[in-house]
Amino acid sequence: MDIKTIEINEDRLHDPKWIHETCMKHEEYPEILFGENEDGESVHISVNEDHILVTTFQKNGWTRNNFYYDDDEMTCEELFDGKWK
């Protein structure tokens, strides 16, 4: 099995060039990627044609979804999707 990895940090998520290049290669990431952030929280990363979605399962029990769009305005959204625990 071929395991795909991607290194993401806060700087990259706010770099329009990196977002664009990663979205252009979205077909290389057909599955959700799993990882851990610098706070030790579980994250799921989904690379799509027009955005990257980072879902964080926060220690406080909330699920946070951060959307980073591949557009000229570098649109970002942060939504809370309820409690996971």
C-alpha atoms as a PDB file:
ATOM      1  CA  MET A   1       0.000   0.000   0.000  1.00  0.00           C
ATOM      2  CA  ASP A   2       1.282   3.448  -0.932  1.00  0.00           C
ATOM      3  CA  ILE A   3       1.033   5.775   2.084  1.00  0.00           C
ATOM      4  CA  LYS A   4       0.671   9.471   1.275  1.00  0.00           C
ATOM      5  CA  THR A   5       1.915  12.121   3.652  1.00  0.00           C
ATOM      6  CA  ILE A   6       1.658  15.874   3.721  1.00  0.00           C
ATOM      7  CA  GLU A   7       3.337  18.311   6.081  1.00  0.00           C
ATOM      8  CA  ILE A   8       1.103  21.163   7.116  1.00  0.00           C
ATOM      9  CA  ASN A   9       1.763  23.995   9.502  1.00  0.00           C
ATOM     10  CA  GLU A  10       0.123  27.342  10.157  1.00  0.00           C
ATOM     11  CA  ASP A  11       2.451  29.186   7.754  1.00  0.00           C
ATOM     12  CA  ARG A  12       1.615  26.864   4.865  1.00  0.00           C
ATOM     13  CA  LEU A  13      -2.118  27.129   5.475  1.00  0.00           C
ATOM     14  CA  HIS A  14      -1.853  30.902   4.994  1.00  0.00           C
ATOM     15  CA  ASP A  15       0.390  30.707   1.923  1.00  0.00           C
ATOM     16  CA  PRO A  16      -1.775  31.140  -1.222  1.00  0.00           C
ATOM     17  CA  LYS A  17       0.885  29.570  -3.461  1.00  0.00           C
ATOM     18  CA  TRP A  18       1.127  26.436  -1.296  1.00  0.00           C
ATOM     19  CA  ILE A  19      -2.682  26.124  -1.077  1.00  0.00           C
ATOM     20  CA  HIS A  20      -2.954  26.447  -4.867  1.00  0.00           C
ATOM     21  CA  GLU A  21      -0.176  23.919  -5.592  1.00  0.00           C
ATOM     22  CA  THR A  22      -1.615  21.419  -3.114  1.00  0.00           C
ATOM     23  CA  CYS A  23      -5.177  21.752  -4.461  1.00  0.00           C
ATOM     24  CA  MET A  24      -3.853  21.267  -8.007  1.00  0.00           C
ATOM     25  CA  LYS A  25      -2.467  17.890  -6.830  1.00  0.00           C
ATOM     26  CA  HIS A  26      -5.661  16.882  -5.020  1.00  0.00           C
ATOM     27  CA  GLU A  27      -5.894  13.613  -6.970  1.00  0.00           C
ATOM     28  CA  GLU A  28      -2.710  12.470  -5.185  1.00  0.00           C
ATOM     29  CA  TYR A  29      -4.691  12.576  -1.930  1.00  0.00           C
ATOM     30  CA  PRO A  30      -7.917  10.626  -2.584  1.00  0.00           C
ATOM     31  CA  GLU A  31      -8.253   9.618   1.072  1.00  0.00           C
ATOM     32  CA  ILE A  32      -8.476  11.648   4.265  1.00  0.00           C
ATOM     33  CA  LEU A  33      -5.088  12.119   5.901  1.00  0.00           C
ATOM     34  CA  PHE A  34      -4.770  11.611   9.648  1.00  0.00           C
ATOM     35  CA  GLY A  35      -2.343  13.309  11.970  1.00  0.00           C
ATOM     36  CA  GLU A  36      -1.728  15.285  15.102  1.00  0.00           C
ATOM     37  CA  ASN A  37      -1.225  19.001  15.580  1.00  0.00           C
ATOM     38  CA  GLU A  38       1.308  20.775  17.772  1.00  0.00           C
ATOM     39  CA  ASP A  39      -1.179  20.633  20.689  1.00  0.00           C
ATOM     40  CA  GLY A  40      -1.442  16.835  20.493  1.00  0.00           C
ATOM     41  CA  GLU A  41      -4.957  16.958  19.051  1.00  0.00           C
ATOM     42  CA  SER A  42      -6.096  14.557  16.329  1.00  0.00           C
ATOM     43  CA  VAL A  43      -6.624  16.119  12.900  1.00  0.00           C
ATOM     44  CA  HIS A  44      -8.122  14.914   9.642  1.00  0.00           C
ATOM     45  CA  ILE A  45      -6.972  16.644   6.452  1.00  0.00           C
ATOM     46  CA  SER A  46      -8.923  16.538   3.209  1.00  0.00           C
ATOM     47  CA  VAL A  47      -7.328  17.948   0.045  1.00  0.00           C
ATOM     48  CA  ASN A  48      -9.934  18.973  -2.530  1.00  0.00           C
ATOM     49  CA  GLU A  49      -9.880  20.630  -5.942  1.00  0.00           C
ATOM     50  CA  ASP A  50     -10.771  24.063  -4.560  1.00  0.00           C
ATOM     51  CA  HIS A  51      -9.978  23.905  -0.829  1.00  0.00           C
ATOM     52  CA  ILE A  52      -8.220  22.133   1.992  1.00  0.00           C
ATOM     53  CA  LEU A  53     -10.269  21.105   5.022  1.00  0.00           C
ATOM     54  CA  VAL A  54      -8.563  20.568   8.371  1.00  0.00           C
ATOM     55  CA  THR A  55     -10.826  18.993  10.997  1.00  0.00           C
ATOM     56  CA  THR A  56      -9.461  19.192  14.526  1.00  0.00           C
ATOM     57  CA  PHE A  57     -10.775  17.127  17.421  1.00  0.00           C
ATOM     58  CA  GLN A  58      -9.954  19.593  20.163  1.00  0.00           C
ATOM     59  CA  LYS A  59      -9.036  18.581  23.714  1.00  0.00           C
ATOM     60  CA  ASN A  60     -12.037  20.577  24.975  1.00  0.00           C
ATOM     61  CA  GLY A  61     -14.342  18.172  23.116  1.00  0.00           C
ATOM     62  CA  TRP A  62     -15.261  20.464  20.220  1.00  0.00           C
ATOM     63  CA  THR A  63     -14.802  19.582  16.551  1.00  0.00           C
ATOM     64  CA  ARG A  64     -13.347  22.517  14.581  1.00  0.00           C
ATOM     65  CA  ASN A  65     -13.388  22.653  10.764  1.00  0.00           C
ATOM     66  CA  ASN A  66     -10.989  25.056   9.063  1.00  0.00           C
ATOM     67  CA  PHE A  67     -11.487  25.577   5.326  1.00  0.00           C
ATOM     68  CA  TYR A  68      -8.665  27.132   3.277  1.00  0.00           C
ATOM     69  CA  TYR A  69      -9.864  28.040  -0.228  1.00  0.00           C
ATOM     70  CA  ASP A  70      -7.795  28.238  -3.390  1.00  0.00           C
ATOM     71  CA  ASP A  71      -9.070  31.617  -4.528  1.00  0.00           C
ATOM     72  CA  ASP A  72      -7.701  35.073  -5.209  1.00  0.00           C
ATOM     73  CA  GLU A  73      -8.777  36.357  -1.801  1.00  0.00           C
ATOM     74  CA  MET A  74      -7.283  33.506   0.276  1.00  0.00           C
ATOM     75  CA  THR A  75     -10.652  32.886   1.909  1.00  0.00           C
ATOM     76  CA  CYS A  76     -10.594  30.974   5.207  1.00  0.00           C
ATOM     77  CA  GLU A  77     -13.507  29.749   7.303  1.00  0.00           C
ATOM     78  CA  GLU A  78     -13.634  28.340  10.803  1.00  0.00           C
ATOM     79  CA  LEU A  79     -16.733  26.397  11.804  1.00  0.00           C
ATOM     80  CA  PHE A  80     -17.510  24.367  14.893  1.00  0.00           C
ATOM     81  CA  ASP A  81     -19.347  21.117  14.264  1.00  0.00           C
ATOM     82  CA  GLY A  82     -20.472  20.257  17.778  1.00  0.00           C
ATOM     83  CA  LYS A  83     -18.886  18.114  20.440  1.00  0.00           C
ATOM     84  CA  TRP A  84     -17.087  14.863  19.712  1.00  0.00           C
ATOM     85  CA  LYS A  85     -16.818  13.802  23.348  1.00  0.00           C
END
